Protein backbone atom coordinates (compact mmCIF):
# COMPACT_ATOMS: atom_id res chain seq x y z
CA MET A 1 94.92 45.68 84.13
CA SER A 2 98.85 44.81 82.20
CA PHE A 3 97.58 43.55 79.42
CA LEU A 4 95.08 44.75 77.00
CA PRO A 5 94.08 42.00 73.89
CA LYS A 6 93.65 44.44 70.10
CA PRO A 7 90.02 43.17 68.29
CA LYS A 8 90.77 40.72 65.95
CA LEU A 9 89.15 41.99 63.45
CA HIS A 10 90.83 43.01 60.01
CA HIS A 11 89.11 45.78 57.69
CA PRO A 12 88.90 43.76 54.22
CA LYS A 13 90.85 46.76 52.49
CA LEU A 14 93.86 46.97 54.89
CA PRO A 15 97.41 46.72 52.46
CA THR A 16 98.79 43.34 52.67
CA ASN A 17 102.56 42.64 51.90
CA ALA A 18 104.37 40.48 49.70
CA LEU A 19 103.16 37.40 51.86
CA GLY A 20 99.32 38.49 52.65
CA TYR A 21 99.85 40.05 56.20
CA THR A 22 98.52 43.54 56.75
CA ARG A 23 100.31 45.60 59.53
CA ARG A 24 98.13 44.63 61.66
CA ASP A 25 98.95 40.77 61.96
CA TYR A 26 102.32 42.02 63.04
CA GLU A 27 100.88 43.97 66.01
CA GLY A 28 100.83 42.83 69.93
CA ALA A 29 98.44 43.94 72.82
CA ILE A 30 97.74 47.55 73.95
CA SER A 31 100.40 49.60 75.70
CA THR A 32 100.33 49.86 79.34
CA LEU A 33 102.92 52.57 78.81
CA CYS A 34 102.81 56.20 79.85
CA ALA A 35 101.25 58.45 76.70
CA GLY A 36 103.88 59.23 75.06
CA CYS A 37 106.47 57.41 75.95
CA GLY A 38 109.41 56.72 72.84
CA HIS A 39 109.30 53.35 74.09
CA ASP A 40 106.38 52.39 71.68
CA SER A 41 107.51 54.58 68.96
CA ILE A 42 110.01 52.09 69.19
CA SER A 43 107.48 49.26 69.09
CA ALA A 44 105.62 51.37 65.82
CA ALA A 45 108.92 50.73 64.21
CA ILE A 46 109.96 46.94 64.55
CA ILE A 47 106.56 46.14 63.55
CA GLN A 48 106.95 49.13 60.74
CA ALA A 49 110.25 47.24 59.44
CA CYS A 50 108.60 43.66 59.97
CA PHE A 51 105.88 44.07 58.09
CA GLU A 52 108.11 45.62 55.38
CA LEU A 53 110.06 42.73 55.14
CA ASP A 54 108.14 40.13 54.53
CA ILE A 55 108.89 38.55 57.95
CA GLU A 56 106.69 35.44 59.40
CA PRO A 57 106.20 36.54 62.87
CA HIS A 58 106.63 32.57 63.77
CA ARG A 59 110.26 32.90 62.75
CA VAL A 60 110.70 35.49 65.28
CA ALA A 61 112.03 34.97 68.28
CA LYS A 62 111.79 38.25 70.88
CA MET A 63 113.73 37.88 74.16
CA SER A 64 113.83 40.58 76.75
CA GLY A 65 114.95 41.13 80.80
CA ILE A 66 112.96 43.32 83.30
CA GLY A 67 111.79 46.74 82.66
CA CYS A 68 109.44 49.48 81.37
CA SER A 69 111.24 48.60 78.07
CA SER A 70 110.76 44.54 78.36
CA LYS A 71 107.48 44.56 79.25
CA THR A 72 106.94 45.77 74.99
CA PRO A 73 107.61 42.78 73.45
CA ASP A 74 104.08 42.13 74.51
CA TYR A 75 103.11 45.05 71.87
CA PHE A 76 104.44 43.80 68.72
CA LEU A 77 105.00 41.06 66.81
CA GLY A 78 102.06 38.99 68.84
CA ALA A 79 102.22 36.04 67.04
CA SER A 80 105.91 35.58 67.15
CA HIS A 81 107.76 33.45 69.67
CA GLY A 82 108.61 35.14 73.42
CA PHE A 83 110.53 34.61 76.55
CA ASN A 84 110.94 37.60 79.18
CA SER A 85 113.77 36.10 81.44
CA VAL A 86 114.86 38.02 84.40
CA HIS A 87 116.75 41.47 84.61
CA GLY A 88 119.42 41.61 82.55
CA ARG A 89 120.13 37.12 81.50
CA MET A 90 118.33 38.00 78.51
CA PRO A 91 121.54 38.10 76.10
CA SER A 92 122.52 34.43 77.54
CA VAL A 93 118.77 33.09 77.21
CA LEU A 94 119.17 34.20 74.06
CA THR A 95 122.20 33.27 73.06
CA GLY A 96 121.34 29.43 74.24
CA ALA A 97 118.35 29.60 72.14
CA ASN A 98 120.44 30.46 69.37
CA LEU A 99 122.62 27.45 69.64
CA ALA A 100 120.09 25.19 69.58
CA ASN A 101 117.89 26.43 66.73
CA ARG A 102 119.31 29.33 64.21
CA GLU A 103 117.14 29.41 61.83
CA LEU A 104 114.96 32.01 64.03
CA LEU A 105 115.25 35.34 63.47
CA TYR A 106 116.18 36.61 67.05
CA LEU A 107 114.93 40.00 68.77
CA GLY A 108 116.36 40.98 72.29
CA VAL A 109 114.75 44.51 73.75
CA SER A 110 116.27 45.75 76.89
CA GLY A 111 117.08 48.61 78.27
CA ASP A 112 119.45 51.25 79.70
CA GLY A 113 119.22 49.62 83.20
CA ASP A 114 118.93 45.79 81.65
CA SER A 115 121.62 45.86 79.79
CA ALA A 116 124.06 48.74 81.24
CA SER A 117 123.94 47.98 84.90
CA ILE A 118 122.46 44.49 86.49
CA GLY A 119 123.12 42.87 82.99
CA PHE A 120 126.25 44.48 81.79
CA GLY A 121 128.89 41.64 81.83
CA GLN A 122 125.56 39.38 80.08
CA PHE A 123 125.60 42.21 77.36
CA ALA A 124 129.25 42.18 76.46
CA HIS A 125 129.67 38.61 76.35
CA SER A 126 126.80 38.35 73.84
CA ILE A 127 128.21 40.37 71.52
CA ARG A 128 131.70 39.83 71.47
CA ARG A 129 130.37 35.89 71.00
CA GLY A 130 129.01 36.96 67.84
CA VAL A 131 125.81 36.14 68.12
CA ASN A 132 123.25 35.81 65.60
CA MET A 133 120.46 38.95 66.53
CA THR A 134 119.11 42.28 66.58
CA TYR A 135 119.92 44.02 70.25
CA ILE A 136 117.95 46.56 71.08
CA VAL A 137 118.68 48.85 74.30
CA GLU A 138 115.62 51.49 74.59
CA ASN A 139 118.12 54.20 76.56
CA ASN A 140 115.98 56.58 78.07
CA GLY A 141 118.88 56.96 81.28
CA VAL A 142 116.50 56.66 84.13
CA TYR A 143 114.49 54.41 86.09
CA GLY A 144 111.09 54.25 85.11
CA LEU A 145 109.59 51.64 87.03
CA THR A 146 111.08 52.67 90.34
CA LYS A 147 110.77 56.81 89.80
CA GLY A 148 113.56 58.37 88.54
CA GLN A 149 116.94 57.53 89.34
CA PHE A 150 120.07 57.91 87.28
CA SER A 151 120.86 54.71 85.67
CA ALA A 152 124.37 53.65 83.87
CA THR A 153 124.05 55.57 80.81
CA SER A 154 122.51 58.98 82.57
CA ASP A 155 124.73 61.69 80.71
CA LYS A 156 127.40 63.04 83.75
CA GLY A 157 126.27 66.79 84.30
CA SER A 158 122.47 65.92 83.45
CA LYS A 159 119.76 67.39 86.03
CA ALA A 160 117.06 63.95 87.59
CA LYS A 161 113.54 65.57 87.89
CA LYS A 162 114.23 66.40 91.64
CA GLY A 163 117.31 68.79 90.47
CA THR A 164 119.64 66.28 91.37
CA VAL A 165 123.11 66.81 88.68
CA ASN A 166 124.44 63.34 88.11
CA THR A 167 128.00 62.92 89.12
CA ASP A 168 128.68 59.64 87.54
CA GLU A 169 130.27 59.21 84.01
CA ALA A 170 127.72 57.55 81.57
CA ILE A 171 128.64 54.24 80.59
CA ASP A 172 127.94 54.06 76.30
CA LEU A 173 126.87 51.30 74.99
CA ILE A 174 127.85 52.21 71.48
CA GLY A 175 131.45 52.42 72.11
CA ILE A 176 131.11 48.76 73.95
CA ALA A 177 129.47 47.56 71.20
CA LEU A 178 132.18 49.17 68.81
CA GLN A 179 134.84 47.76 71.01
CA LEU A 180 133.43 44.01 71.38
CA GLY A 181 133.40 43.69 67.86
CA ALA A 182 129.53 44.24 66.63
CA THR A 183 129.16 44.24 63.68
CA TYR A 184 126.09 45.99 62.62
CA VAL A 185 126.10 49.59 65.13
CA ALA A 186 123.81 52.20 65.31
CA ARG A 187 122.09 54.49 67.34
CA SER A 188 118.84 56.11 66.78
CA PHE A 189 115.58 58.20 67.97
CA SER A 190 112.50 57.27 68.98
CA GLY A 191 111.01 60.30 67.74
CA ASP A 192 112.86 60.06 64.48
CA LYS A 193 110.33 56.92 62.62
CA ASP A 194 112.27 57.40 58.81
CA GLN A 195 115.19 56.80 60.33
CA LEU A 196 114.80 54.26 63.17
CA VAL A 197 112.95 51.90 60.55
CA PRO A 198 115.25 51.29 57.89
CA LEU A 199 117.86 50.71 60.83
CA ILE A 200 115.73 47.69 61.80
CA LYS A 201 115.20 46.67 58.55
CA GLY A 202 119.23 46.54 57.94
CA ALA A 203 119.41 45.15 61.57
CA MET A 204 116.91 42.11 61.01
CA ARG A 205 118.73 41.51 57.54
CA HIS A 206 122.11 41.39 58.61
CA ASP A 207 124.31 38.17 59.69
CA GLY A 208 125.88 39.07 62.94
CA PRO A 209 125.78 40.57 65.96
CA ALA A 210 123.57 44.19 65.21
CA PHE A 211 123.36 46.59 68.06
CA ILE A 212 120.99 49.59 68.20
CA ASP A 213 121.10 52.13 70.57
CA CYS A 214 117.93 53.83 70.76
CA ILE A 215 117.00 57.22 72.19
CA SER A 216 114.12 57.12 74.35
CA PRO A 217 112.64 59.25 76.58
CA CYS A 218 110.51 59.34 79.60
CA VAL A 219 108.08 61.63 80.21
CA ALA A 220 107.27 60.24 83.85
CA PHE A 221 110.87 61.00 84.92
CA ASN A 222 113.32 62.09 81.89
CA ASN A 223 111.43 64.88 80.06
CA HIS A 224 112.27 68.37 81.55
CA GLU A 225 115.50 71.09 80.98
CA GLY A 226 118.13 70.11 82.05
CA SER A 227 118.35 65.99 81.01
CA THR A 228 120.03 64.98 77.91
CA LYS A 229 117.62 61.92 77.07
CA SER A 230 113.91 64.13 76.77
CA TYR A 231 112.91 65.22 73.56
CA ASP A 232 113.70 68.99 72.89
CA PHE A 233 117.75 67.95 74.19
CA VAL A 234 117.82 65.19 71.76
CA ARG A 235 116.49 66.89 68.68
CA GLU A 236 118.45 69.75 69.42
CA HIS A 237 122.08 67.89 69.44
CA ASN A 238 120.82 65.15 67.53
CA GLU A 239 123.70 64.40 64.39
CA ALA A 240 122.41 62.10 61.75
CA MET A 241 125.40 60.90 59.92
CA ASN A 242 123.43 59.28 57.53
CA ARG A 243 120.19 58.06 56.17
CA LEU A 244 119.57 54.62 54.74
CA ASP A 245 117.12 52.21 52.85
CA VAL A 246 116.59 48.19 52.51
CA ILE A 247 116.83 46.89 49.53
CA THR A 248 115.75 43.00 49.30
CA GLY A 249 116.24 42.47 45.38
CA ARG A 250 112.63 41.93 45.36
CA ALA A 251 111.19 44.92 43.58
CA PRO A 252 112.72 48.34 42.82
CA ILE A 253 112.11 50.57 45.35
CA THR A 254 112.57 54.35 45.87
CA ALA A 255 113.42 57.06 48.75
CA ASP A 256 113.59 60.59 48.41
CA TYR A 257 116.91 61.56 49.46
CA GLU A 258 118.42 64.52 49.56
CA PRO A 259 121.51 65.19 47.50
CA GLY A 260 124.45 64.15 48.56
CA GLU A 261 126.57 60.98 47.90
CA VAL A 262 124.95 57.21 47.86
CA ARG A 263 126.80 53.98 48.78
CA GLU A 264 125.64 51.12 48.43
CA VAL A 265 126.53 48.70 51.02
CA GLU A 266 126.33 44.80 50.95
CA GLN A 267 125.19 42.53 53.56
CA HIS A 268 126.06 38.74 53.93
CA ASP A 269 122.42 37.81 52.65
CA GLY A 270 122.65 39.67 49.14
CA SER A 271 120.40 42.39 50.48
CA ILE A 272 121.79 46.08 50.54
CA LEU A 273 122.13 48.52 52.25
CA ARG A 274 121.97 52.27 50.95
CA LEU A 275 123.49 55.50 52.53
CA ARG A 276 123.04 58.52 51.46
CA LYS A 277 126.36 60.50 53.66
CA LEU A 278 125.42 63.97 55.20
CA HIS A 279 129.00 63.92 56.10
CA ALA A 280 131.69 63.41 52.95
CA GLU A 281 134.75 62.18 55.43
CA TYR A 282 132.40 59.27 57.37
CA ASP A 283 133.46 56.05 56.31
CA PRO A 284 131.22 53.38 58.06
CA THR A 285 132.69 49.85 57.18
CA ASN A 286 135.86 51.88 59.89
CA ARG A 287 135.60 50.38 63.05
CA VAL A 288 138.22 52.68 64.35
CA ALA A 289 137.17 56.17 62.43
CA ALA A 290 133.78 55.69 63.70
CA MET A 291 134.81 55.22 67.68
CA HIS A 292 137.41 57.96 66.76
CA HIS A 293 134.04 59.92 65.28
CA LEU A 294 132.06 59.42 68.28
CA HIS A 295 134.17 60.43 70.88
CA GLU A 296 135.01 63.32 69.03
CA ARG A 297 131.48 64.21 68.24
CA LYS A 298 130.77 63.78 72.24
CA ALA A 299 132.67 66.56 72.90
CA ALA A 300 131.47 68.47 70.70
CA GLY A 301 128.24 67.92 72.90
CA GLU A 302 126.16 65.98 69.59
CA ILE A 303 124.48 63.30 69.94
CA VAL A 304 125.12 61.35 66.74
CA THR A 305 122.21 59.03 65.38
CA GLY A 306 122.61 57.05 62.03
CA LEU A 307 124.47 53.84 60.84
CA LEU A 308 128.44 54.19 62.81
CA PHE A 309 129.54 51.35 61.27
CA ILE A 310 128.39 48.06 59.17
CA ASP A 311 130.84 45.18 57.96
CA PRO A 312 130.00 43.85 55.31
CA GLU A 313 131.05 40.29 55.33
CA PRO A 314 130.61 39.61 59.33
CA ARG A 315 130.97 36.35 60.74
CA ASP A 316 128.43 34.76 63.55
CA LEU A 317 128.99 32.27 66.79
CA HIS A 318 127.74 28.94 64.43
CA ALA A 319 130.67 30.51 62.17
CA ASN A 320 132.95 30.45 64.64
CA LEU A 321 131.82 27.37 66.76
CA ASN A 322 131.75 25.35 63.27
CA THR A 323 128.69 23.93 63.92
CA VAL A 324 126.69 22.37 61.60
CA ALA A 325 123.62 23.16 59.35
CA ARG A 326 121.35 21.82 60.72
CA PRO A 327 119.96 23.15 63.59
CA LEU A 328 120.91 21.20 67.03
CA ASN A 329 117.58 20.92 68.41
CA ARG A 330 116.65 18.66 65.00
CA LEU A 331 119.57 16.70 66.33
CA GLY A 332 118.87 13.19 67.48
CA ASP A 333 121.18 11.02 69.89
CA ALA A 334 123.25 9.35 66.97
CA ALA A 335 124.81 12.99 66.60
CA LEU A 336 124.64 14.32 69.92
CA VAL A 337 126.00 12.06 72.23
CA PRO A 338 127.64 9.86 69.18
CA GLY A 339 129.90 7.27 71.49
CA ALA A 340 133.31 6.90 73.83
CA ALA A 341 134.75 6.06 70.59
CA ALA A 342 134.12 8.95 69.11
CA LEU A 343 135.00 10.98 72.18
CA GLU A 344 138.41 9.02 72.79
CA ALA A 345 138.70 9.98 69.35
CA VAL A 346 138.82 13.48 69.94
CA ASN A 347 140.76 13.35 73.13
CA ALA A 348 143.50 11.90 71.35
CA GLY A 349 143.55 14.80 68.82
CA LEU A 350 144.38 17.43 71.17
CA ARG A 351 146.35 15.38 73.15
């Protein structure tokens, strides 16, 4: 059975957010993924983030492609808009929807096969165009639906479940996102909820292309010794650059942080990201330094997680195209088809 609905009965004493929603209101159907799959932990983090941000579920448009990861939008935000596209084509569908209605919050969920292989070009163009979205790749370094082949993000030298060694270089989606202009770039681990939930909250409040690469072990085909995407390997090699919390301004938020430098980064919508640096020399607003640090720590065998880069003054696709504030899907024929005279005036201005 591929769809298992949850009972709609809510306990009357469940905690609610500022909108009166319970956490259950942000859930979806029961997951049919393998027990222990990291993807389910990411779904739980998305649910928690939306609940804590007081997001109205109908304001979210969740998009996906094909793969285990692309099944997950069925497991969260059951009351939200959803579109499951063909393999690798989620970014173009999301871009078109964003152009038509800029008032929705766009959440793209994809996998390493969906975004780093067949959809690699789509991923790259959505980032470089500056689409205002939260783009999460649930990265397990394996093709789980087709029984465990290496994916484009499988690290060179890692071993498959049957012992085969990968001889191809891995595509680092974080590096690509940084190079192509993403204005919010992070990496996390599905087994680290304390880090992942604030990263998703920050991404959803960010007014620009926000990308999160989330390592999500495949318990069926990529959680063995020799895999670099297993639970044990990531826990042993995780180098967390920072911890953060999101302050929306409605009420004080406190967090039990270890001693260290605290840095506040104001986002375009006025919300605040509060960062506690673990490495005093690391500057999350320096794109070039972030790219250098990624390469440096990779050479040392570490997996860098946390908020790696943020642009406090981002621009999105609508700002670049100078579109009107009113969503395009609400404009009538008079605005969308102004006539031959208006077209002639535009053409004259280009001569």
